[in-house]
Amino acid sequence: MCRFVLYLGPAIRVASLVTEPAHSLIRQSVHSNERREPLNGDGFGVAWYARDLQPEPAAFRAVTPAWNNANLIDLARVVESDVILAHVRAASPGSVVSEVNCHPFRSGRFAFMHNGDVREFLRVKRPLLDRLSDAAFAEVRGSTDSEHLFALFVDAVARMGSGDPLSLMADGLRDALKTIIALQAEHNAARPVYANVAVSDGLRAVACRFTSDAPGKADSLYVHTGMRYECREGACAMVRPDDGLGAVIVASEALSSDPGWDEVPEGSMLLIDEQRRVKLEPVGV
């Protein structure tokens, strides 16, 4: 399984999440604490928003291990954003290791990443593609279950039309998960779905900790809210903001030993609005 981190808050450097914390994403790629297989060396990716230039996210993805990519280290030092998604990949057995299969994936204003897998995905891949709109079908570049789940999400949001953007994102993710589970049942692939997901439109975000397996089987996920996250001279810590505007961080594993990292309950969805208020809802799938 993969590891990821989602950040919304005052602008920070990518390095503050990826390279500098005591348990940074690069550290997790070499030695994750909450996976039986501690290595995540099958590529990585970072997506970030610069909305004063364009509403769509930028991304840097590569197939090399994150800990061995000098370009990532250099870029992370100087790129700042108030919305960042970063991911290190451990490919599912049989999955192709290639740049197009690295997360985060993008479509329009959305950036999307996934920790988990859809068991027996090849049984449902063709019927899933048949359900996609022409626009969503054309955007699928790789072969992962993750990117196809994202395509279902994009289509679901488009079908729902107008409304509160955050609610549309949450309902779109629910719809995508329901579709995957229904396809597994229809095509004799009734194996569990593991889906820790984070998706953002650059202003707000939704994340979930979900599995259709038995209770206790979901991958780890944590959230930290209300504090600023600062890295100075190699030390990273949560500090109380002077202006009252803290950050929200959602991560597969806590980035530091600071208090305030809360485990996201299994079967739950985090809805993070433009004011970085967090609402906890059941996935309801």
C-alpha atoms as a PDB file:
ATOM      1  CA  MET A   1       0.000   0.000   0.000  1.00  0.00           C
ATOM      2  CA  CYS A   2       1.054   3.583  -0.621  1.00  0.00           C
ATOM      3  CA  ARG A   3       1.523   6.571   1.701  1.00  0.00           C
ATOM      4  CA  PHE A   4       0.243  10.095   1.159  1.00  0.00           C
ATOM      5  CA  VAL A   5      -0.194  13.523   2.722  1.00  0.00           C
ATOM      6  CA  LEU A   6      -2.754  16.257   1.974  1.00  0.00           C
ATOM      7  CA  TYR A   7      -2.201  19.828   3.192  1.00  0.00           C
ATOM      8  CA  LEU A   8      -4.515  22.860   3.222  1.00  0.00           C
ATOM      9  CA  GLY A   9      -3.414  25.962   5.102  1.00  0.00           C
ATOM     10  CA  PRO A  10      -1.077  28.927   5.025  1.00  0.00           C
ATOM     11  CA  ALA A  11       1.397  28.530   2.185  1.00  0.00           C
ATOM     12  CA  ILE A  12       4.344  26.299   3.019  1.00  0.00           C
ATOM     13  CA  ARG A  13       7.180  24.727   1.077  1.00  0.00           C
ATOM     14  CA  VAL A  14       6.693  21.216  -0.265  1.00  0.00           C
ATOM     15  CA  ALA A  15       9.801  20.249   1.725  1.00  0.00           C
ATOM     16  CA  SER A  16       7.895  20.886   4.953  1.00  0.00           C
ATOM     17  CA  LEU A  17       5.820  17.799   4.176  1.00  0.00           C
ATOM     18  CA  VAL A  18       8.016  15.667   1.959  1.00  0.00           C
ATOM     19  CA  THR A  19      11.585  15.922   3.224  1.00  0.00           C
ATOM     20  CA  GLU A  20      11.991  17.828   6.506  1.00  0.00           C
ATOM     21  CA  PRO A  21       9.664  16.364   9.196  1.00  0.00           C
ATOM     22  CA  ALA A  22      10.872  13.636  11.515  1.00  0.00           C
ATOM     23  CA  HIS A  23       8.523  11.206   9.792  1.00  0.00           C
ATOM     24  CA  SER A  24       8.315  12.964   6.417  1.00  0.00           C
ATOM     25  CA  LEU A  25       6.786  11.347   3.374  1.00  0.00           C
ATOM     26  CA  ILE A  26      10.270  10.430   2.130  1.00  0.00           C
ATOM     27  CA  ARG A  27      10.973   8.816   5.497  1.00  0.00           C
ATOM     28  CA  GLN A  28       7.709   6.897   5.165  1.00  0.00           C
ATOM     29  CA  SER A  29       8.730   5.747   1.684  1.00  0.00           C
ATOM     30  CA  VAL A  30      11.797   4.070   3.203  1.00  0.00           C
ATOM     31  CA  HIS A  31      10.393   2.977   6.543  1.00  0.00           C
ATOM     32  CA  SER A  32       6.656   3.332   7.053  1.00  0.00           C
ATOM     33  CA  ASN A  33       5.532   2.456  10.554  1.00  0.00           C
ATOM     34  CA  GLU A  34       2.036   1.152   9.846  1.00  0.00           C
ATOM     35  CA  ARG A  35       2.514  -1.200   6.910  1.00  0.00           C
ATOM     36  CA  ARG A  36       3.793  -4.758   6.909  1.00  0.00           C
ATOM     37  CA  GLU A  37       5.888  -3.890   3.841  1.00  0.00           C
ATOM     38  CA  PRO A  38       7.832  -0.748   4.828  1.00  0.00           C
ATOM     39  CA  LEU A  39       9.100   0.307   1.374  1.00  0.00           C
ATOM     40  CA  ASN A  40       7.267   2.576  -1.056  1.00  0.00           C
ATOM     41  CA  GLY A  41       9.742   2.764  -3.933  1.00  0.00           C
ATOM     42  CA  ASP A  42       7.604   2.447  -7.078  1.00  0.00           C
ATOM     43  CA  GLY A  43       7.461   6.150  -7.899  1.00  0.00           C
ATOM     44  CA  PHE A  44       6.066   9.298  -6.321  1.00  0.00           C
ATOM     45  CA  GLY A  45       4.233  12.474  -7.134  1.00  0.00           C
ATOM     46  CA  VAL A  46       3.454  15.942  -5.842  1.00  0.00           C
ATOM     47  CA  ALA A  47       0.557  18.181  -6.929  1.00  0.00           C
ATOM     48  CA  TRP A  48       0.134  21.779  -5.829  1.00  0.00           C
ATOM     49  CA  TYR A  49      -1.981  24.807  -6.640  1.00  0.00           C
ATOM     50  CA  ALA A  50      -0.928  28.315  -7.716  1.00  0.00           C
ATOM     51  CA  ARG A  51      -4.386  29.801  -8.161  1.00  0.00           C
ATOM     52  CA  ASP A  52      -3.088  33.321  -8.841  1.00  0.00           C
ATOM     53  CA  LEU A  53      -1.688  31.872 -12.080  1.00  0.00           C
ATOM     54  CA  GLN A  54      -4.112  29.059 -12.994  1.00  0.00           C
ATOM     55  CA  PRO A  55      -6.929  27.198 -11.222  1.00  0.00           C
ATOM     56  CA  GLU A  56      -5.647  23.781 -12.356  1.00  0.00           C
ATOM     57  CA  PRO A  57      -2.994  22.037 -10.251  1.00  0.00           C
ATOM     58  CA  ALA A  58       0.608  21.545 -11.300  1.00  0.00           C
ATOM     59  CA  ALA A  59       2.264  18.179 -10.743  1.00  0.00           C
ATOM     60  CA  PHE A  60       5.670  16.547 -10.695  1.00  0.00           C
ATOM     61  CA  ARG A  61       5.698  12.749 -10.910  1.00  0.00           C
ATOM     62  CA  ALA A  62       8.492  10.279 -11.498  1.00  0.00           C
ATOM     63  CA  VAL A  63       8.992   6.530 -11.450  1.00  0.00           C
ATOM     64  CA  THR A  64      12.165   6.644  -9.330  1.00  0.00           C
ATOM     65  CA  PRO A  65      12.004   6.161  -5.556  1.00  0.00           C
ATOM     66  CA  ALA A  66      11.286   9.456  -3.802  1.00  0.00           C
ATOM     67  CA  TRP A  67      14.355   9.108  -1.587  1.00  0.00           C
ATOM     68  CA  ASN A  68      16.624   8.901  -4.629  1.00  0.00           C
ATOM     69  CA  ASN A  69      15.291  11.750  -6.780  1.00  0.00           C
ATOM     70  CA  ALA A  70      17.473  14.864  -6.656  1.00  0.00           C
ATOM     71  CA  ASN A  71      14.949  16.863  -8.675  1.00  0.00           C
ATOM     72  CA  LEU A  72      12.288  16.285  -6.020  1.00  0.00           C
ATOM     73  CA  ILE A  73      14.638  17.409  -3.253  1.00  0.00           C
ATOM     74  CA  ASP A  74      15.529  20.558  -5.175  1.00  0.00           C
ATOM     75  CA  LEU A  75      11.968  21.402  -6.180  1.00  0.00           C
ATOM     76  CA  ALA A  76      10.638  20.817  -2.661  1.00  0.00           C
ATOM     77  CA  ARG A  77      13.030  23.441  -1.255  1.00  0.00           C
ATOM     78  CA  VAL A  78      11.522  26.318  -3.234  1.00  0.00           C
ATOM     79  CA  VAL A  79       7.927  25.484  -4.268  1.00  0.00           C
ATOM     80  CA  GLU A  80       5.290  26.926  -1.945  1.00  0.00           C
ATOM     81  CA  SER A  81       1.542  26.413  -1.937  1.00  0.00           C
ATOM     82  CA  ASP A  82      -1.451  26.512   0.369  1.00  0.00           C
ATOM     83  CA  VAL A  83      -2.812  23.237  -1.049  1.00  0.00           C
ATOM     84  CA  ILE A  84      -0.422  20.305  -1.567  1.00  0.00           C
ATOM     85  CA  LEU A  85      -0.948  16.611  -2.274  1.00  0.00           C
ATOM     86  CA  ALA A  86       2.048  14.270  -2.108  1.00  0.00           C
ATOM     87  CA  HIS A  87       2.203  10.512  -2.610  1.00  0.00           C
ATOM     88  CA  VAL A  88       4.737   7.681  -2.581  1.00  0.00           C
ATOM     89  CA  ARG A  89       3.760   4.496  -4.362  1.00  0.00           C
ATOM     90  CA  ALA A  90       4.017   0.809  -3.566  1.00  0.00           C
ATOM     91  CA  ALA A  91       2.568  -0.812  -6.676  1.00  0.00           C
ATOM     92  CA  SER A  92       0.005  -3.562  -6.265  1.00  0.00           C
ATOM     93  CA  PRO A  93       1.236  -6.995  -7.428  1.00  0.00           C
ATOM     94  CA  GLY A  94       1.144  -7.131 -11.219  1.00  0.00           C
ATOM     95  CA  SER A  95       0.695  -3.368 -11.615  1.00  0.00           C
ATOM     96  CA  VAL A  96       3.008  -1.622 -14.080  1.00  0.00           C
ATOM     97  CA  VAL A  97       5.616   0.717 -12.601  1.00  0.00           C
ATOM     98  CA  SER A  98       5.505   3.753 -14.888  1.00  0.00           C
ATOM     99  CA  GLU A  99       5.186   7.509 -14.624  1.00  0.00           C
ATOM    100  CA  VAL A 100       1.578   7.549 -15.842  1.00  0.00           C
ATOM    101  CA  ASN A 101       0.671   5.234 -12.971  1.00  0.00           C
ATOM    102  CA  CYS A 102       2.122   7.572 -10.328  1.00  0.00           C
ATOM    103  CA  HIS A 103      -0.216   9.664  -8.198  1.00  0.00           C
ATOM    104  CA  PRO A 104      -1.600  12.303  -7.835  1.00  0.00           C
ATOM    105  CA  PHE A 105      -3.805  12.171 -10.920  1.00  0.00           C
ATOM    106  CA  ARG A 106      -5.344  15.360 -12.344  1.00  0.00           C
ATOM    107  CA  SER A 107      -8.470  16.328 -14.249  1.00  0.00           C
ATOM    108  CA  GLY A 108      -9.444  19.975 -14.610  1.00  0.00           C
ATOM    109  CA  ARG A 109      -9.259  21.511 -11.157  1.00  0.00           C
ATOM    110  CA  PHE A 110      -9.147  18.159  -9.371  1.00  0.00           C
ATOM    111  CA  ALA A 111      -6.084  16.396  -7.975  1.00  0.00           C
ATOM    112  CA  PHE A 112      -6.609  12.867  -6.622  1.00  0.00           C
ATOM    113  CA  MET A 113      -4.539  10.230  -4.824  1.00  0.00           C
ATOM    114  CA  HIS A 114      -5.278   6.797  -3.416  1.00  0.00           C
ATOM    115  CA  ASN A 115      -3.776   4.438  -0.863  1.00  0.00           C
ATOM    116  CA  GLY A 116      -5.203   0.952  -1.254  1.00  0.00           C
ATOM    117  CA  ASP A 117      -6.378  -1.298  -4.045  1.00  0.00           C
ATOM    118  CA  VAL A 118      -9.375  -2.824  -5.768  1.00  0.00           C
ATOM    119  CA  ARG A 119      -8.892  -6.561  -5.559  1.00  0.00           C
ATOM    120  CA  GLU A 120      -9.306  -8.486  -8.824  1.00  0.00           C
ATOM    121  CA  PHE A 121      -9.443  -5.179 -10.666  1.00  0.00           C
ATOM    122  CA  LEU A 122      -8.937  -6.795 -14.080  1.00  0.00           C
ATOM    123  CA  ARG A 123     -12.315  -8.498 -13.701  1.00  0.00           C
ATOM    124  CA  VAL A 124     -14.077  -5.138 -13.532  1.00  0.00           C
ATOM    125  CA  LYS A 125     -11.818  -2.933 -15.662  1.00  0.00           C
ATOM    126  CA  ARG A 126     -13.597  -3.432 -19.000  1.00  0.00           C
ATOM    127  CA  PRO A 127     -17.151  -2.942 -17.656  1.00  0.00           C
ATOM    128  CA  LEU A 128     -15.913   0.067 -15.688  1.00  0.00           C
ATOM    129  CA  LEU A 129     -14.543   1.661 -18.854  1.00  0.00           C
ATOM    130  CA  ASP A 130     -17.863   1.031 -20.574  1.00  0.00           C
ATOM    131  CA  ARG A 131     -19.555   3.152 -17.911  1.00  0.00           C
ATOM    132  CA  LEU A 132     -17.309   6.180 -18.403  1.00  0.00           C
ATOM    133  CA  SER A 133     -18.250   9.197 -20.480  1.00  0.00           C
ATOM    134  CA  ASP A 134     -16.150   9.851 -23.557  1.00  0.00           C
ATOM    135  CA  ALA A 135     -14.466  12.758 -21.772  1.00  0.00           C
ATOM    136  CA  ALA A 136     -13.486  10.712 -18.710  1.00  0.00           C
ATOM    137  CA  PHE A 137     -12.436   7.725 -20.839  1.00  0.00           C
ATOM    138  CA  ALA A 138     -10.090   9.948 -22.875  1.00  0.00           C
ATOM    139  CA  GLU A 139      -8.332  11.216 -19.754  1.00  0.00           C
ATOM    140  CA  VAL A 140      -7.314   7.783 -18.445  1.00  0.00           C
ATOM    141  CA  ARG A 141      -3.626   7.411 -19.311  1.00  0.00           C
ATOM    142  CA  GLY A 142      -2.446   4.603 -17.078  1.00  0.00           C
ATOM    143  CA  SER A 143      -3.564   1.157 -15.951  1.00  0.00           C
ATOM    144  CA  THR A 144      -4.101   1.516 -12.197  1.00  0.00           C
ATOM    145  CA  ASP A 145      -7.298   0.850 -10.307  1.00  0.00           C
ATOM    146  CA  SER A 146      -6.666   4.239  -8.676  1.00  0.00           C
ATOM    147  CA  GLU A 147      -6.873   6.270 -11.869  1.00  0.00           C
ATOM    148  CA  HIS A 148     -10.006   4.419 -12.956  1.00  0.00           C
ATOM    149  CA  LEU A 149     -11.590   5.155  -9.565  1.00  0.00           C
ATOM    150  CA  PHE A 150     -10.728   8.819 -10.173  1.00  0.00           C
ATOM    151  CA  ALA A 151     -12.412   8.687 -13.586  1.00  0.00           C
ATOM    152  CA  LEU A 152     -15.592   7.395 -11.942  1.00  0.00           C
ATOM    153  CA  PHE A 153     -15.382  10.266  -9.460  1.00  0.00           C
ATOM    154  CA  VAL A 154     -14.953  12.887 -12.202  1.00  0.00           C
ATOM    155  CA  ASP A 155     -17.936  11.505 -14.100  1.00  0.00           C
ATOM    156  CA  ALA A 156     -20.089  11.368 -10.981  1.00  0.00           C
ATOM    157  CA  VAL A 157     -19.385  15.004 -10.090  1.00  0.00           C
ATOM    158  CA  ALA A 158     -20.126  16.077 -13.667  1.00  0.00           C
ATOM    159  CA  ARG A 159     -23.460  14.235 -13.650  1.00  0.00           C
ATOM    160  CA  MET A 160     -24.534  15.887 -10.423  1.00  0.00           C
ATOM    161  CA  GLY A 161     -24.323  19.329 -11.990  1.00  0.00           C
ATOM    162  CA  SER A 162     -24.546  22.450  -9.839  1.00  0.00           C
ATOM    163  CA  GLY A 163     -24.596  22.628  -6.083  1.00  0.00           C
ATOM    164  CA  ASP A 164     -22.292  23.071  -3.129  1.00  0.00           C
ATOM    165  CA  PRO A 165     -18.829  22.091  -4.472  1.00  0.00           C
ATOM    166  CA  LEU A 166     -17.755  20.320  -1.292  1.00  0.00           C
ATOM    167  CA  SER A 167     -20.936  18.250  -1.117  1.00  0.00           C
ATOM    168  CA  LEU A 168     -20.566  17.377  -4.798  1.00  0.00           C
ATOM    169  CA  MET A 169     -17.027  16.134  -4.187  1.00  0.00           C
ATOM    170  CA  ALA A 170     -18.116  14.017  -1.217  1.00  0.00           C
ATOM    171  CA  ASP A 171     -21.084  12.551  -3.058  1.00  0.00           C
ATOM    172  CA  GLY A 172     -18.966  11.966  -6.177  1.00  0.00           C
ATOM    173  CA  LEU A 173     -16.480   9.935  -4.156  1.00  0.00           C
ATOM    174  CA  ARG A 174     -19.274   7.929  -2.553  1.00  0.00           C
ATOM    175  CA  ASP A 175     -20.753   7.234  -5.980  1.00  0.00           C
ATOM    176  CA  ALA A 176     -17.392   6.058  -7.334  1.00  0.00           C
ATOM    177  CA  LEU A 177     -16.905   3.653  -4.422  1.00  0.00           C
ATOM    178  CA  LYS A 178     -20.450   2.300  -4.755  1.00  0.00           C
ATOM    179  CA  THR A 179     -19.875   1.700  -8.467  1.00  0.00           C
ATOM    180  CA  ILE A 180     -16.644  -0.226  -7.865  1.00  0.00           C
ATOM    181  CA  ILE A 181     -18.275  -2.439  -5.231  1.00  0.00           C
ATOM    182  CA  ALA A 182     -21.301  -3.078  -7.459  1.00  0.00           C
ATOM    183  CA  LEU A 183     -19.051  -4.021 -10.387  1.00  0.00           C
ATOM    184  CA  GLN A 184     -17.137  -6.485  -8.214  1.00  0.00           C
ATOM    185  CA  ALA A 185     -20.405  -8.182  -7.261  1.00  0.00           C
ATOM    186  CA  GLU A 186     -21.695  -8.227 -10.846  1.00  0.00           C
ATOM    187  CA  HIS A 187     -18.536  -9.780 -12.264  1.00  0.00           C
ATOM    188  CA  ASN A 188     -17.704 -12.366  -9.605  1.00  0.00           C
ATOM    189  CA  ALA A 189     -14.897 -10.284  -8.180  1.00  0.00           C
ATOM    190  CA  ALA A 190     -16.399  -9.836  -4.741  1.00  0.00           C
ATOM    191  CA  ARG A 191     -13.083  -9.124  -3.076  1.00  0.00           C
ATOM    192  CA  PRO A 192     -12.463  -6.178  -0.722  1.00  0.00           C
ATOM    193  CA  VAL A 193     -11.889  -2.592  -1.787  1.00  0.00           C
ATOM    194  CA  TYR A 194      -9.312  -0.651   0.194  1.00  0.00           C
ATOM    195  CA  ALA A 195      -9.694   3.053  -0.437  1.00  0.00           C
ATOM    196  CA  ASN A 196      -7.997   5.748   1.569  1.00  0.00           C
ATOM    197  CA  VAL A 197      -8.518   8.638  -0.848  1.00  0.00           C
ATOM    198  CA  ALA A 198      -7.793  12.375  -0.920  1.00  0.00           C
ATOM    199  CA  VAL A 199      -9.127  14.724  -3.585  1.00  0.00           C
ATOM    200  CA  SER A 200      -8.995  18.524  -3.839  1.00  0.00           C
ATOM    201  CA  ASP A 201     -10.154  21.255  -6.199  1.00  0.00           C
ATOM    202  CA  GLY A 202      -7.584  23.742  -4.869  1.00  0.00           C
ATOM    203  CA  LEU A 203      -9.969  25.406  -2.426  1.00  0.00           C
ATOM    204  CA  ARG A 204     -11.452  22.529  -0.499  1.00  0.00           C
ATOM    205  CA  ALA A 205     -10.863  18.796  -0.134  1.00  0.00           C
ATOM    206  CA  VAL A 206     -12.407  15.459   0.747  1.00  0.00           C
ATOM    207  CA  ALA A 207     -10.571  12.476   2.207  1.00  0.00           C
ATOM    208  CA  CYS A 208     -11.805   9.085   3.343  1.00  0.00           C
ATOM    209  CA  ARG A 209     -10.646   6.015   5.217  1.00  0.00           C
ATOM    210  CA  PHE A 210     -12.619   3.112   3.813  1.00  0.00           C
ATOM    211  CA  THR A 211     -12.586  -0.601   3.170  1.00  0.00           C
ATOM    212  CA  SER A 212     -15.299  -3.071   2.259  1.00  0.00           C
ATOM    213  CA  ASP A 213     -13.310  -5.686   4.198  1.00  0.00           C
ATOM    214  CA  ALA A 214     -13.968  -6.629   7.807  1.00  0.00           C
ATOM    215  CA  PRO A 215     -13.665  -3.997  10.567  1.00  0.00           C
ATOM    216  CA  GLY A 216     -10.083  -3.325  11.547  1.00  0.00           C
ATOM    217  CA  LYS A 217      -8.715  -3.918   8.042  1.00  0.00           C
ATOM    218  CA  ALA A 218      -8.610  -0.309   6.778  1.00  0.00           C
ATOM    219  CA  ASP A 219      -5.228   1.305   6.152  1.00  0.00           C
ATOM    220  CA  SER A 220      -4.051   3.948   8.604  1.00  0.00           C
ATOM    221  CA  LEU A 221      -5.058   7.608   8.230  1.00  0.00           C
ATOM    222  CA  TYR A 222      -4.590  10.620  10.522  1.00  0.00           C
ATOM    223  CA  VAL A 223      -5.719  14.240  10.613  1.00  0.00           C
ATOM    224  CA  HIS A 224      -4.291  17.309  12.367  1.00  0.00           C
ATOM    225  CA  THR A 225      -6.250  20.577  12.504  1.00  0.00           C
ATOM    226  CA  GLY A 226      -6.081  24.105  13.847  1.00  0.00           C
ATOM    227  CA  MET A 227      -2.326  24.621  14.079  1.00  0.00           C
ATOM    228  CA  ARG A 228       0.309  25.999  11.735  1.00  0.00           C
ATOM    229  CA  TYR A 229       2.947  23.545  10.608  1.00  0.00           C
ATOM    230  CA  GLU A 230       6.418  25.074  10.435  1.00  0.00           C
ATOM    231  CA  CYS A 231       9.880  23.733   9.662  1.00  0.00           C
ATOM    232  CA  ARG A 232      12.831  25.848  10.765  1.00  0.00           C
ATOM    233  CA  GLU A 233      16.467  24.821  10.650  1.00  0.00           C
ATOM    234  CA  GLY A 234      15.542  21.188  10.214  1.00  0.00           C
ATOM    235  CA  ALA A 235      13.014  21.083  13.073  1.00  0.00           C
ATOM    236  CA  CYS A 236       9.292  20.775  12.282  1.00  0.00           C
ATOM    237  CA  ALA A 237       6.506  21.388  14.745  1.00  0.00           C
ATOM    238  CA  MET A 238       2.896  22.432  15.125  1.00  0.00           C
ATOM    239  CA  VAL A 239       2.645  25.999  16.437  1.00  0.00           C
ATOM    240  CA  ARG A 240      -0.398  28.016  17.464  1.00  0.00           C
ATOM    241  CA  PRO A 241      -1.205  30.568  14.738  1.00  0.00           C
ATOM    242  CA  ASP A 242      -1.247  34.264  15.679  1.00  0.00           C
ATOM    243  CA  ASP A 243      -4.165  34.967  13.334  1.00  0.00           C
ATOM    244  CA  GLY A 244      -6.199  31.939  14.349  1.00  0.00           C
ATOM    245  CA  LEU A 245      -5.936  30.437  10.879  1.00  0.00           C
ATOM    246  CA  GLY A 246      -4.381  27.021  11.196  1.00  0.00           C
ATOM    247  CA  ALA A 247      -3.884  24.205   8.729  1.00  0.00           C
ATOM    248  CA  VAL A 248      -5.431  20.828   8.035  1.00  0.00           C
ATOM    249  CA  ILE A 249      -3.109  17.911   7.346  1.00  0.00           C
ATOM    250  CA  VAL A 250      -4.357  14.455   6.411  1.00  0.00           C
ATOM    251  CA  ALA A 251      -1.647  11.812   6.297  1.00  0.00           C
ATOM    252  CA  SER A 252      -1.252   8.061   6.150  1.00  0.00           C
ATOM    253  CA  GLU A 253       1.057   8.362   9.145  1.00  0.00           C
ATOM    254  CA  ALA A 254       1.654  11.259  11.550  1.00  0.00           C
ATOM    255  CA  LEU A 255       4.468  13.473  10.301  1.00  0.00           C
ATOM    256  CA  SER A 256       5.729  14.362  13.775  1.00  0.00           C
ATOM    257  CA  SER A 257       5.400  13.499  17.441  1.00  0.00           C
ATOM    258  CA  ASP A 258       3.363  16.628  18.178  1.00  0.00           C
ATOM    259  CA  PRO A 259       0.056  16.119  20.003  1.00  0.00           C
ATOM    260  CA  GLY A 260      -3.093  16.597  17.995  1.00  0.00           C
ATOM    261  CA  TRP A 261      -2.772  13.839  15.402  1.00  0.00           C
ATOM    262  CA  ASP A 262      -6.106  12.047  15.493  1.00  0.00           C
ATOM    263  CA  GLU A 263      -6.792   8.723  13.830  1.00  0.00           C
ATOM    264  CA  VAL A 264      -9.584   8.994  11.272  1.00  0.00           C
ATOM    265  CA  PRO A 265     -12.264   6.438  12.181  1.00  0.00           C
ATOM    266  CA  GLU A 266     -12.762   3.583   9.718  1.00  0.00           C
ATOM    267  CA  GLY A 267     -15.592   4.181   7.301  1.00  0.00           C
ATOM    268  CA  SER A 268     -15.324   7.950   7.702  1.00  0.00           C
ATOM    269  CA  MET A 269     -15.001  10.878   5.325  1.00  0.00           C
ATOM    270  CA  LEU A 270     -13.417  14.260   6.063  1.00  0.00           C
ATOM    271  CA  LEU A 271     -14.977  17.282   4.345  1.00  0.00           C
ATOM    272  CA  ILE A 272     -12.631  20.287   4.463  1.00  0.00           C
ATOM    273  CA  ASP A 273     -14.153  23.596   3.391  1.00  0.00           C
ATOM    274  CA  GLU A 274     -12.568  26.846   2.175  1.00  0.00           C
ATOM    275  CA  GLN A 275     -12.182  28.115   5.758  1.00  0.00           C
ATOM    276  CA  ARG A 276     -10.395  24.859   6.611  1.00  0.00           C
ATOM    277  CA  ARG A 277     -13.223  23.700   8.821  1.00  0.00           C
ATOM    278  CA  VAL A 278     -13.405  19.919   8.999  1.00  0.00           C
ATOM    279  CA  LYS A 279     -16.624  17.922   9.082  1.00  0.00           C
ATOM    280  CA  LEU A 280     -16.604  14.189   9.759  1.00  0.00           C
ATOM    281  CA  GLU A 281     -19.238  12.092   7.986  1.00  0.00           C
ATOM    282  CA  PRO A 282     -19.724   8.353   7.409  1.00  0.00           C
ATOM    283  CA  VAL A 283     -18.699   7.180   3.964  1.00  0.00           C
ATOM    284  CA  GLY A 284     -22.075   5.460   3.853  1.00  0.00           C
ATOM    285  CA  VAL A 285     -21.223   2.946   1.159  1.00  0.00           C
END
